[in-house]
C-alpha atoms as a PDB file:
ATOM      1  CA  UNK A   1      82.331  51.380 133.648  1.00  0.00           C
ATOM      2  CA  UNK A   2      79.134  52.962 134.707  1.00  0.00           C
ATOM      3  CA  UNK A   3      75.445  53.577 132.552  1.00  0.00           C
ATOM      4  CA  UNK A   4      76.105  57.200 131.032  1.00  0.00           C
ATOM      5  CA  UNK A   5      73.498  59.681 132.309  1.00  0.00           C
ATOM      6  CA  UNK A   6      70.234  60.017 130.334  1.00  0.00           C
ATOM      7  CA  UNK A   7      70.662  63.276 129.307  1.00  0.00           C
ATOM      8  CA  UNK A   8      74.148  62.568 127.809  1.00  0.00           C
ATOM      9  CA  UNK A   9      72.792  60.187 125.565  1.00  0.00           C
ATOM     10  CA  UNK A  10      69.897  62.173 124.792  1.00  0.00           C
ATOM     11  CA  UNK A  11      72.601  65.038 123.516  1.00  0.00           C
ATOM     12  CA  UNK A  12      74.665  62.754 121.427  1.00  0.00           C
ATOM     13  CA  UNK A  13      71.423  61.622 119.343  1.00  0.00           C
ATOM     14  CA  UNK A  14      70.640  64.841 118.896  1.00  0.00           C
ATOM     15  CA  UNK A  15      73.761  65.758 117.427  1.00  0.00           C
ATOM     16  CA  UNK A  16      74.016  62.569 115.380  1.00  0.00           C
ATOM     17  CA  UNK A  17      70.564  62.966 113.660  1.00  0.00           C
ATOM     18  CA  UNK A  18      71.349  66.851 113.323  1.00  0.00           C
ATOM     19  CA  UNK A  19      74.413  65.308 111.349  1.00  0.00           C
ATOM     20  CA  UNK A  20      71.958  62.386 109.424  1.00  0.00           C
ATOM     21  CA  UNK A  21      70.119  65.470 108.399  1.00  0.00           C
ATOM     22  CA  UNK A  22      72.312  67.643 106.807  1.00  0.00           C
ATOM     23  CA  UNK A  23      73.841  65.334 104.818  1.00  0.00           C
ATOM     24  CA  UNK A  24      70.728  64.496 103.767  1.00  0.00           C
ATOM     25  CA  UNK A  25      69.597  68.110 103.488  1.00  0.00           C
ATOM     26  CA  UNK A  26      73.222  69.136 101.551  1.00  0.00           C
ATOM     27  CA  UNK A  27      74.783  72.136 101.326  1.00  0.00           C
ATOM     28  CA  UNK A  28      72.205  74.764 103.713  1.00  0.00           C
ATOM     29  CA  UNK A  29      72.596  78.542 103.142  1.00  0.00           C
ATOM     30  CA  UNK A  30      73.384  80.262 106.618  1.00  0.00           C
ATOM     31  CA  UNK A  31      70.339  82.254 107.742  1.00  0.00           C
ATOM     32  CA  UNK A  32      70.992  86.054 106.245  1.00  0.00           C
ATOM     33  CA  UNK A  33      74.079  85.167 104.335  1.00  0.00           C
ATOM     34  CA  UNK A  34      74.493  85.742 100.883  1.00  0.00           C
ATOM     35  CA  UNK A  35      75.855  82.969  99.093  1.00  0.00           C
ATOM     36  CA  UNK A  36      79.327  83.895  97.061  1.00  0.00           C
ATOM     37  CA  UNK A  37      81.411  81.768  94.571  1.00  0.00           C
ATOM     38  CA  UNK A  38      84.600  82.593  96.032  1.00  0.00           C
ATOM     39  CA  UNK A  39      83.501  82.007  99.823  1.00  0.00           C
ATOM     40  CA  UNK A  40      82.350  79.104  98.844  1.00  0.00           C
ATOM     41  CA  UNK A  41      84.569  75.468  98.716  1.00  0.00           C
ATOM     42  CA  UNK A  42      84.069  73.013  96.110  1.00  0.00           C
ATOM     43  CA  UNK A  43      82.158  70.490  97.938  1.00  0.00           C
ATOM     44  CA  UNK A  44      79.562  73.430  98.964  1.00  0.00           C
ATOM     45  CA  UNK A  45      78.778  74.392  94.731  1.00  0.00           C
ATOM     46  CA  UNK A  46      78.307  70.600  94.048  1.00  0.00           C
ATOM     47  CA  UNK A  47      75.961  69.960  97.326  1.00  0.00           C
ATOM     48  CA  UNK A  48      74.285  73.559  96.611  1.00  0.00           C
ATOM     49  CA  UNK A  49      74.477  71.860  92.355  1.00  0.00           C
ATOM     50  CA  UNK A  50      72.229  68.920  94.067  1.00  0.00           C
ATOM     51  CA  UNK A  51      69.083  71.538  94.592  1.00  0.00           C
ATOM     52  CA  UNK A  52      69.711  74.116  92.259  1.00  0.00           C
ATOM     53  CA  UNK A  53      71.424  75.648  88.706  1.00  0.00           C
ATOM     54  CA  UNK A  54      70.613  78.974  88.925  1.00  0.00           C
ATOM     55  CA  UNK A  55      73.828  81.735  89.215  1.00  0.00           C
ATOM     56  CA  UNK A  56      74.239  85.374  89.316  1.00  0.00           C
ATOM     57  CA  UNK A  57      76.662  87.081  87.705  1.00  0.00           C
ATOM     58  CA  UNK A  58      77.072  90.622  88.936  1.00  0.00           C
ATOM     59  CA  UNK A  59      78.423  93.215  86.146  1.00  0.00           C
ATOM     60  CA  UNK A  60      79.996  96.659  87.294  1.00  0.00           C
ATOM     61  CA  UNK A  61      83.479  98.199  86.424  1.00  0.00           C
ATOM     62  CA  UNK A  62      86.384  99.873  87.637  1.00  0.00           C
ATOM     63  CA  UNK A  63      85.823 103.688  86.705  1.00  0.00           C
ATOM     64  CA  UNK A  64      86.167 107.575  87.833  1.00  0.00           C
ATOM     65  CA  UNK A  65      82.773 108.553  90.569  1.00  0.00           C
ATOM     66  CA  UNK A  66      83.691 112.021  91.071  1.00  0.00           C
ATOM     67  CA  UNK A  67      86.208 113.376  93.616  1.00  0.00           C
ATOM     68  CA  UNK A  68      83.830 111.276  96.136  1.00  0.00           C
ATOM     69  CA  UNK A  69      83.164 107.773  95.390  1.00  0.00           C
ATOM     70  CA  UNK A  70      85.863 104.902  94.689  1.00  0.00           C
ATOM     71  CA  UNK A  71      87.005 104.278  91.593  1.00  0.00           C
ATOM     72  CA  UNK A  72      84.849 100.310  92.227  1.00  0.00           C
ATOM     73  CA  UNK A  73      81.273 102.196  92.667  1.00  0.00           C
ATOM     74  CA  UNK A  74      79.711  99.869  90.177  1.00  0.00           C
ATOM     75  CA  UNK A  75      81.522  96.694  90.993  1.00  0.00           C
ATOM     76  CA  UNK A  76      80.356  97.952  94.875  1.00  0.00           C
ATOM     77  CA  UNK A  77      76.152  98.389  93.625  1.00  0.00           C
ATOM     78  CA  UNK A  78      76.126  95.399  91.547  1.00  0.00           C
ATOM     79  CA  UNK A  79      77.706  93.224  93.723  1.00  0.00           C
ATOM     80  CA  UNK A  80      76.074  94.047  96.685  1.00  0.00           C
ATOM     81  CA  UNK A  81      72.496  94.072  95.465  1.00  0.00           C
ATOM     82  CA  UNK A  82      73.371  90.587  94.336  1.00  0.00           C
ATOM     83  CA  UNK A  83      74.182  89.685  97.621  1.00  0.00           C
ATOM     84  CA  UNK A  84      71.022  90.884  98.820  1.00  0.00           C
ATOM     85  CA  UNK A  85      69.227  88.739  96.189  1.00  0.00           C
ATOM     86  CA  UNK A  86      71.353  85.839  97.293  1.00  0.00           C
ATOM     87  CA  UNK A  87      70.138  86.540 101.202  1.00  0.00           C
ATOM     88  CA  UNK A  88      66.459  86.519  99.998  1.00  0.00           C
ATOM     89  CA  UNK A  89      66.774  83.929  97.264  1.00  0.00           C
ATOM     90  CA  UNK A  90      69.580  81.014  98.489  1.00  0.00           C
ATOM     91  CA  UNK A  91      71.288  81.576  94.567  1.00  0.00           C
ATOM     92  CA  UNK A  92      75.267  81.789  94.498  1.00  0.00           C
ATOM     93  CA  UNK A  93      76.425  85.188  93.557  1.00  0.00           C
ATOM     94  CA  UNK A  94      79.891  84.213  91.062  1.00  0.00           C
ATOM     95  CA  UNK A  95      81.059  88.050  90.835  1.00  0.00           C
ATOM     96  CA  UNK A  96      83.793  87.515  87.139  1.00  0.00           C
ATOM     97  CA  UNK A  97      85.317  91.064  86.137  1.00  0.00           C
ATOM     98  CA  UNK A  98      86.280  93.985  88.326  1.00  0.00           C
ATOM     99  CA  UNK A  99      86.257  96.149  85.366  1.00  0.00           C
ATOM    100  CA  UNK A 100      83.754  97.000  82.684  1.00  0.00           C
ATOM    101  CA  UNK A 101      84.111  98.900  79.310  1.00  0.00           C
ATOM    102  CA  UNK A 102      84.835 102.346  80.713  1.00  0.00           C
ATOM    103  CA  UNK A 103      87.581 103.947  78.032  1.00  0.00           C
ATOM    104  CA  UNK A 104      85.500 106.876  77.876  1.00  0.00           C
ATOM    105  CA  UNK A 105      86.310 108.367  81.339  1.00  0.00           C
ATOM    106  CA  UNK A 106      90.061 107.485  80.949  1.00  0.00           C
ATOM    107  CA  UNK A 107      90.523 111.340  81.803  1.00  0.00           C
ATOM    108  CA  UNK A 108      90.572 110.717  84.820  1.00  0.00           C
ATOM    109  CA  UNK A 109      93.496 108.753  86.558  1.00  0.00           C
ATOM    110  CA  UNK A 110      92.611 105.027  87.615  1.00  0.00           C
ATOM    111  CA  UNK A 111      90.106 103.984  85.357  1.00  0.00           C
ATOM    112  CA  UNK A 112      90.353 100.660  83.884  1.00  0.00           C
ATOM    113  CA  UNK A 113      88.312  99.507  80.718  1.00  0.00           C
ATOM    114  CA  UNK A 114      88.340  95.707  79.317  1.00  0.00           C
ATOM    115  CA  UNK A 115      87.586  96.130  75.132  1.00  0.00           C
ATOM    116  CA  UNK A 116      83.530  95.099  74.492  1.00  0.00           C
ATOM    117  CA  UNK A 117      85.229  91.499  72.769  1.00  0.00           C
ATOM    118  CA  UNK A 118      87.780  90.554  75.406  1.00  0.00           C
ATOM    119  CA  UNK A 119      84.915  90.841  78.523  1.00  0.00           C
ATOM    120  CA  UNK A 120      82.450  88.900  76.171  1.00  0.00           C
ATOM    121  CA  UNK A 121      84.861  85.980  75.424  1.00  0.00           C
ATOM    122  CA  UNK A 122      85.781  86.017  79.652  1.00  0.00           C
ATOM    123  CA  UNK A 123      81.943  86.086  80.608  1.00  0.00           C
ATOM    124  CA  UNK A 124      81.533  83.204  78.490  1.00  0.00           C
ATOM    125  CA  UNK A 125      84.221  81.056  79.019  1.00  0.00           C
ATOM    126  CA  UNK A 126      83.717  81.621  82.635  1.00  0.00           C
ATOM    127  CA  UNK A 127      79.857  80.638  81.922  1.00  0.00           C
ATOM    128  CA  UNK A 128      80.743  77.367  80.243  1.00  0.00           C
ATOM    129  CA  UNK A 129      83.369  76.801  82.927  1.00  0.00           C
ATOM    130  CA  UNK A 130      80.172  77.014  85.175  1.00  0.00           C
ATOM    131  CA  UNK A 131      78.426  74.907  82.944  1.00  0.00           C
ATOM    132  CA  UNK A 132      80.393  72.246  83.115  1.00  0.00           C
ATOM    133  CA  UNK A 133      79.684  71.859  86.488  1.00  0.00           C
ATOM    134  CA  UNK A 134      75.952  71.852  86.003  1.00  0.00           C
ATOM    135  CA  UNK A 135      74.386  75.707  86.231  1.00  0.00           C
ATOM    136  CA  UNK A 136      72.427  76.048  83.630  1.00  0.00           C
ATOM    137  CA  UNK A 137      69.973  79.477  84.321  1.00  0.00           C
ATOM    138  CA  UNK A 138      72.636  82.287  84.186  1.00  0.00           C
ATOM    139  CA  UNK A 139      71.415  85.377  85.225  1.00  0.00           C
ATOM    140  CA  UNK A 140      73.695  88.773  84.990  1.00  0.00           C
ATOM    141  CA  UNK A 141      72.756  91.713  87.388  1.00  0.00           C
ATOM    142  CA  UNK A 142      74.821  94.594  85.557  1.00  0.00           C
ATOM    143  CA  UNK A 143      74.815  98.145  87.061  1.00  0.00           C
ATOM    144  CA  UNK A 144      77.461 100.458  84.476  1.00  0.00           C
ATOM    145  CA  UNK A 145      75.736 101.318  80.802  1.00  0.00           C
ATOM    146  CA  UNK A 146      78.517 100.753  79.351  1.00  0.00           C
ATOM    147  CA  UNK A 147      78.718  97.318  79.976  1.00  0.00           C
ATOM    148  CA  UNK A 148      74.585  96.548  77.862  1.00  0.00           C
ATOM    149  CA  UNK A 149      75.921  95.531  74.945  1.00  0.00           C
ATOM    150  CA  UNK A 150      78.576  93.045  75.663  1.00  0.00           C
ATOM    151  CA  UNK A 151      75.391  92.039  78.086  1.00  0.00           C
ATOM    152  CA  UNK A 152      73.433  91.510  75.210  1.00  0.00           C
ATOM    153  CA  UNK A 153      75.753  89.520  73.431  1.00  0.00           C
ATOM    154  CA  UNK A 154      76.856  87.027  75.682  1.00  0.00           C
ATOM    155  CA  UNK A 155      73.004  86.403  76.997  1.00  0.00           C
ATOM    156  CA  UNK A 156      72.618  86.179  73.488  1.00  0.00           C
ATOM    157  CA  UNK A 157      75.554  84.171  72.855  1.00  0.00           C
ATOM    158  CA  UNK A 158      74.987  81.467  75.878  1.00  0.00           C
ATOM    159  CA  UNK A 159      70.898  81.247  74.688  1.00  0.00           C
ATOM    160  CA  UNK A 160      71.502  80.318  71.059  1.00  0.00           C
ATOM    161  CA  UNK A 161      74.481  78.373  71.684  1.00  0.00           C
ATOM    162  CA  UNK A 162      74.764  75.926  74.483  1.00  0.00           C
ATOM    163  CA  UNK A 163      72.230  74.564  76.934  1.00  0.00           C
ATOM    164  CA  UNK A 164      71.618  77.058  79.024  1.00  0.00           C
ATOM    165  CA  UNK A 165      69.813  79.931  80.278  1.00  0.00           C
ATOM    166  CA  UNK A 166      70.237  83.442  80.303  1.00  0.00           C
ATOM    167  CA  UNK A 167      68.775  86.934  81.173  1.00  0.00           C
ATOM    168  CA  UNK A 168      69.738  89.928  82.475  1.00  0.00           C
ATOM    169  CA  UNK A 169      68.475  91.017  86.138  1.00  0.00           C
ATOM    170  CA  UNK A 170      69.846  94.398  86.475  1.00  0.00           C
ATOM    171  CA  UNK A 171      69.939  97.576  85.321  1.00  0.00           C
ATOM    172  CA  UNK A 172      67.570  97.415  82.142  1.00  0.00           C
ATOM    173  CA  UNK A 173      66.057  94.662  83.022  1.00  0.00           C
ATOM    174  CA  UNK A 174      62.570  94.198  81.447  1.00  0.00           C
ATOM    175  CA  UNK A 175      60.860  93.960  84.526  1.00  0.00           C
ATOM    176  CA  UNK A 176      63.193  96.392  85.906  1.00  0.00           C
ATOM    177  CA  UNK A 177      60.484  99.382  85.862  1.00  0.00           C
ATOM    178  CA  UNK A 178      61.166 101.152  88.898  1.00  0.00           C
ATOM    179  CA  UNK A 179      62.423 105.038  88.396  1.00  0.00           C
ATOM    180  CA  UNK A 180      64.327 107.760  90.450  1.00  0.00           C
ATOM    181  CA  UNK A 181      64.573 110.112  88.155  1.00  0.00           C
ATOM    182  CA  UNK A 182      64.932 113.957  89.433  1.00  0.00           C
ATOM    183  CA  UNK A 183      62.533 116.624  87.903  1.00  0.00           C
ATOM    184  CA  UNK A 184      64.181 118.865  86.066  1.00  0.00           C
ATOM    185  CA  UNK A 185      67.695 117.065  86.605  1.00  0.00           C
ATOM    186  CA  UNK A 186      69.972 115.430  84.312  1.00  0.00           C
ATOM    187  CA  UNK A 187      71.919 113.210  86.562  1.00  0.00           C
ATOM    188  CA  UNK A 188      73.332 109.883  85.437  1.00  0.00           C
ATOM    189  CA  UNK A 189      76.589 109.494  86.147  1.00  0.00           C
ATOM    190  CA  UNK A 190      78.275 109.722  90.119  1.00  0.00           C
ATOM    191  CA  UNK A 191      75.474 112.300  91.236  1.00  0.00           C
ATOM    192  CA  UNK A 192      72.706 112.762  93.735  1.00  0.00           C
ATOM    193  CA  UNK A 193      71.095 108.885  92.424  1.00  0.00           C
ATOM    194  CA  UNK A 194      73.701 107.033  92.527  1.00  0.00           C
ATOM    195  CA  UNK A 195      75.716 108.865  95.431  1.00  0.00           C
ATOM    196  CA  UNK A 196      72.538 108.042  97.258  1.00  0.00           C
ATOM    197  CA  UNK A 197      73.318 104.066  96.316  1.00  0.00           C
ATOM    198  CA  UNK A 198      76.622 103.822  97.842  1.00  0.00           C
ATOM    199  CA  UNK A 199      75.782 106.210 101.299  1.00  0.00           C
ATOM    200  CA  UNK A 200      73.076 103.156 101.533  1.00  0.00           C
ATOM    201  CA  UNK A 201      74.955 100.215 100.393  1.00  0.00           C
ATOM    202  CA  UNK A 202      78.905 101.489 101.071  1.00  0.00           C
ATOM    203  CA  UNK A 203      78.994 104.773 103.250  1.00  0.00           C
ATOM    204  CA  UNK A 204      82.545 104.231 104.601  1.00  0.00           C
ATOM    205  CA  UNK A 205      84.186 104.798 101.057  1.00  0.00           C
ATOM    206  CA  UNK A 206      82.015 107.640 100.455  1.00  0.00           C
ATOM    207  CA  UNK A 207      83.387 111.399 100.945  1.00  0.00           C
ATOM    208  CA  UNK A 208      80.354 113.340 101.179  1.00  0.00           C
ATOM    209  CA  UNK A 209      83.306 116.334 102.238  1.00  0.00           C
ATOM    210  CA  UNK A 210      84.697 116.403  98.620  1.00  0.00           C
ATOM    211  CA  UNK A 211      81.152 116.336  96.900  1.00  0.00           C
ATOM    212  CA  UNK A 212      80.258 119.203  94.636  1.00  0.00           C
ATOM    213  CA  UNK A 213      78.525 119.862  91.080  1.00  0.00           C
ATOM    214  CA  UNK A 214      80.475 119.900  88.270  1.00  0.00           C
ATOM    215  CA  UNK A 215      80.907 122.455  85.902  1.00  0.00           C
ATOM    216  CA  UNK A 216      79.000 120.104  83.493  1.00  0.00           C
ATOM    217  CA  UNK A 217      79.860 121.039  80.117  1.00  0.00           C
ATOM    218  CA  UNK A 218      77.690 119.476  77.144  1.00  0.00           C
ATOM    219  CA  UNK A 219      79.078 119.831  73.852  1.00  0.00           C
ATOM    220  CA  UNK A 220      76.360 121.812  71.568  1.00  0.00           C
ATOM    221  CA  UNK A 221      74.357 118.412  70.384  1.00  0.00           C
ATOM    222  CA  UNK A 222      74.059 117.505  74.040  1.00  0.00           C
ATOM    223  CA  UNK A 223      72.906 120.795  75.074  1.00  0.00           C
ATOM    224  CA  UNK A 224      70.368 120.267  72.351  1.00  0.00           C
ATOM    225  CA  UNK A 225      68.982 117.078  73.193  1.00  0.00           C
ATOM    226  CA  UNK A 226      68.439 117.599  76.601  1.00  0.00           C
ATOM    227  CA  UNK A 227      66.578 120.607  75.851  1.00  0.00           C
ATOM    228  CA  UNK A 228      63.901 119.439  73.026  1.00  0.00           C
ATOM    229  CA  UNK A 229      64.057 116.124  75.685  1.00  0.00           C
ATOM    230  CA  UNK A 230      62.489 118.262  78.367  1.00  0.00           C
ATOM    231  CA  UNK A 231      59.128 118.418  75.823  1.00  0.00           C
ATOM    232  CA  UNK A 232      60.186 115.870  73.631  1.00  0.00           C
ATOM    233  CA  UNK A 233      61.339 112.899  76.463  1.00  0.00           C
ATOM    234  CA  UNK A 234      62.449 110.486  73.813  1.00  0.00           C
ATOM    235  CA  UNK A 235      65.021 112.294  72.546  1.00  0.00           C
ATOM    236  CA  UNK A 236      66.952 111.186  74.962  1.00  0.00           C
ATOM    237  CA  UNK A 237      67.535 108.012  73.374  1.00  0.00           C
ATOM    238  CA  UNK A 238      70.149 110.039  70.841  1.00  0.00           C
ATOM    239  CA  UNK A 239      72.291 110.726  73.980  1.00  0.00           C
ATOM    240  CA  UNK A 240      73.979 107.540  73.874  1.00  0.00           C
ATOM    241  CA  UNK A 241      75.337 108.196  70.420  1.00  0.00           C
ATOM    242  CA  UNK A 242      76.982 111.141  71.666  1.00  0.00           C
ATOM    243  CA  UNK A 243      77.603 110.863  75.425  1.00  0.00           C
ATOM    244  CA  UNK A 244      79.697 108.218  77.178  1.00  0.00           C
ATOM    245  CA  UNK A 245      82.067 107.763  73.979  1.00  0.00           C
ATOM    246  CA  UNK A 246      85.787 107.738  73.615  1.00  0.00           C
ATOM    247  CA  UNK A 247      87.450 110.916  73.306  1.00  0.00           C
ATOM    248  CA  UNK A 248      88.893 109.833  69.880  1.00  0.00           C
ATOM    249  CA  UNK A 249      84.865 109.708  68.147  1.00  0.00           C
ATOM    250  CA  UNK A 250      85.564 113.889  68.121  1.00  0.00           C
ATOM    251  CA  UNK A 251      81.841 113.659  69.770  1.00  0.00           C
ATOM    252  CA  UNK A 252      83.017 115.740  72.988  1.00  0.00           C
ATOM    253  CA  UNK A 253      81.247 113.420  74.839  1.00  0.00           C
ATOM    254  CA  UNK A 254      83.930 111.617  76.715  1.00  0.00           C
ATOM    255  CA  UNK A 255      83.858 112.251  80.728  1.00  0.00           C
ATOM    256  CA  UNK A 256      86.184 114.766  81.110  1.00  0.00           C
ATOM    257  CA  UNK A 257      85.101 116.466  78.453  1.00  0.00           C
ATOM    258  CA  UNK A 258      81.596 117.249  79.914  1.00  0.00           C
ATOM    259  CA  UNK A 259      82.882 117.188  83.437  1.00  0.00           C
ATOM    260  CA  UNK A 260      84.425 119.278  85.679  1.00  0.00           C
ATOM    261  CA  UNK A 261      85.154 116.328  88.360  1.00  0.00           C
ATOM    262  CA  UNK A 262      83.635 113.245  86.619  1.00  0.00           C
ATOM    263  CA  UNK A 263      79.886 113.659  87.689  1.00  0.00           C
ATOM    264  CA  UNK A 264      77.582 113.752  84.821  1.00  0.00           C
ATOM    265  CA  UNK A 265      74.767 116.213  86.541  1.00  0.00           C
ATOM    266  CA  UNK A 266      73.349 119.619  86.943  1.00  0.00           C
ATOM    267  CA  UNK A 267      72.068 118.394  90.654  1.00  0.00           C
ATOM    268  CA  UNK A 268      73.990 118.952  93.540  1.00  0.00           C
ATOM    269  CA  UNK A 269      75.514 115.404  94.924  1.00  0.00           C
ATOM    270  CA  UNK A 270      75.522 116.909  98.139  1.00  0.00           C
ATOM    271  CA  UNK A 271      71.557 116.638  98.297  1.00  0.00           C
ATOM    272  CA  UNK A 272      72.072 112.518  97.835  1.00  0.00           C
ATOM    273  CA  UNK A 273      70.135 110.842 101.069  1.00  0.00           C
ATOM    274  CA  UNK A 274      70.886 107.231 102.461  1.00  0.00           C
ATOM    275  CA  UNK A 275      66.842 106.902 102.950  1.00  0.00           C
ATOM    276  CA  UNK A 276      66.686 107.361  98.699  1.00  0.00           C
ATOM    277  CA  UNK A 277      69.219 105.005  98.076  1.00  0.00           C
ATOM    278  CA  UNK A 278      67.728 102.240 100.102  1.00  0.00           C
ATOM    279  CA  UNK A 279      64.326 103.026  98.288  1.00  0.00           C
ATOM    280  CA  UNK A 280      66.015 102.803  94.699  1.00  0.00           C
ATOM    281  CA  UNK A 281      67.747  99.223  95.609  1.00  0.00           C
ATOM    282  CA  UNK A 282      64.997  97.814  97.481  1.00  0.00           C
ATOM    283  CA  UNK A 283      63.002  98.232  94.483  1.00  0.00           C
ATOM    284  CA  UNK A 284      65.516  96.572  92.399  1.00  0.00           C
ATOM    285  CA  UNK A 285      66.473  94.110  94.642  1.00  0.00           C
ATOM    286  CA  UNK A 286      62.437  92.780  95.038  1.00  0.00           C
ATOM    287  CA  UNK A 287      61.884  92.776  91.857  1.00  0.00           C
ATOM    288  CA  UNK A 288      64.816  90.294  90.652  1.00  0.00           C
ATOM    289  CA  UNK A 289      63.915  88.438  93.632  1.00  0.00           C
ATOM    290  CA  UNK A 290      59.860  88.561  92.613  1.00  0.00           C
ATOM    291  CA  UNK A 291      61.437  87.240  89.289  1.00  0.00           C
ATOM    292  CA  UNK A 292      63.851  84.290  90.580  1.00  0.00           C
ATOM    293  CA  UNK A 293      61.191  82.843  92.533  1.00  0.00           C
ATOM    294  CA  UNK A 294      58.685  82.364  90.079  1.00  0.00           C
ATOM    295  CA  UNK A 295      61.802  81.073  87.424  1.00  0.00           C
ATOM    296  CA  UNK A 296      62.281  78.611  90.136  1.00  0.00           C
ATOM    297  CA  UNK A 297      58.869  77.408  90.036  1.00  0.00           C
ATOM    298  CA  UNK A 298      58.645  76.697  86.809  1.00  0.00           C
ATOM    299  CA  UNK A 299      62.415  74.777  86.967  1.00  0.00           C
ATOM    300  CA  UNK A 300      64.653  74.744  84.073  1.00  0.00           C
END
């Protein structure tokens, strides 16, 4: 046989070197692509753990979000923003649950809910499994108000009973200071702000032709808090005691008791824009990325 052409030898050598380098570097994230646990092989995870012990667990829900948005809105928001964070930091996202604590939305068909103790146990046991493989730094990205108590309890349990560390990086996190409040408008669920976020993250699932301002039926106590809160915003802290609570409490704070169509807003969701949603999402994602990059430099 004759000698191989020089360019063939060079190409073979380049491929061989590339394979060796990849083997040395371990798992390499594709540029601009999020790392999602369910999309990785076990060997991918093993290689990832050679260079990182971080994981993001998104928390959302499956519950009504008005007639114009999908039941999975909170799930899509939490996972969507977590994936954007992963794209910029290389941290694995591990979705665990599709549902959260949403029993007060059960007056609208399709809403699902877990008992807080059930949700806490599932999240903790899942975290324990991840610890077994070497994950040590846990970040929970929550984007559903009903999950805050469970999130806090799981974080406390991880920090006080295991070698791992856990923090909140989503809505309610200490460094998430961006505010999308609309002056003069009460807008907390499936309204202008949340519709805007979904127009940015999942526009194909938003049916704006169905969006309509709800008939908001605040109980006398809720209305008093809203009215007095105009002058004393501190009073809004009382809303959590009477709003978003099960019908059985007889406080008039279940979703179907508050709103004619499930939207919690005195505004018109038709005012929602993709640009508004993009601004909110980018602010939250950037704050989380900044935190993660700083934590990386500290080690575990």
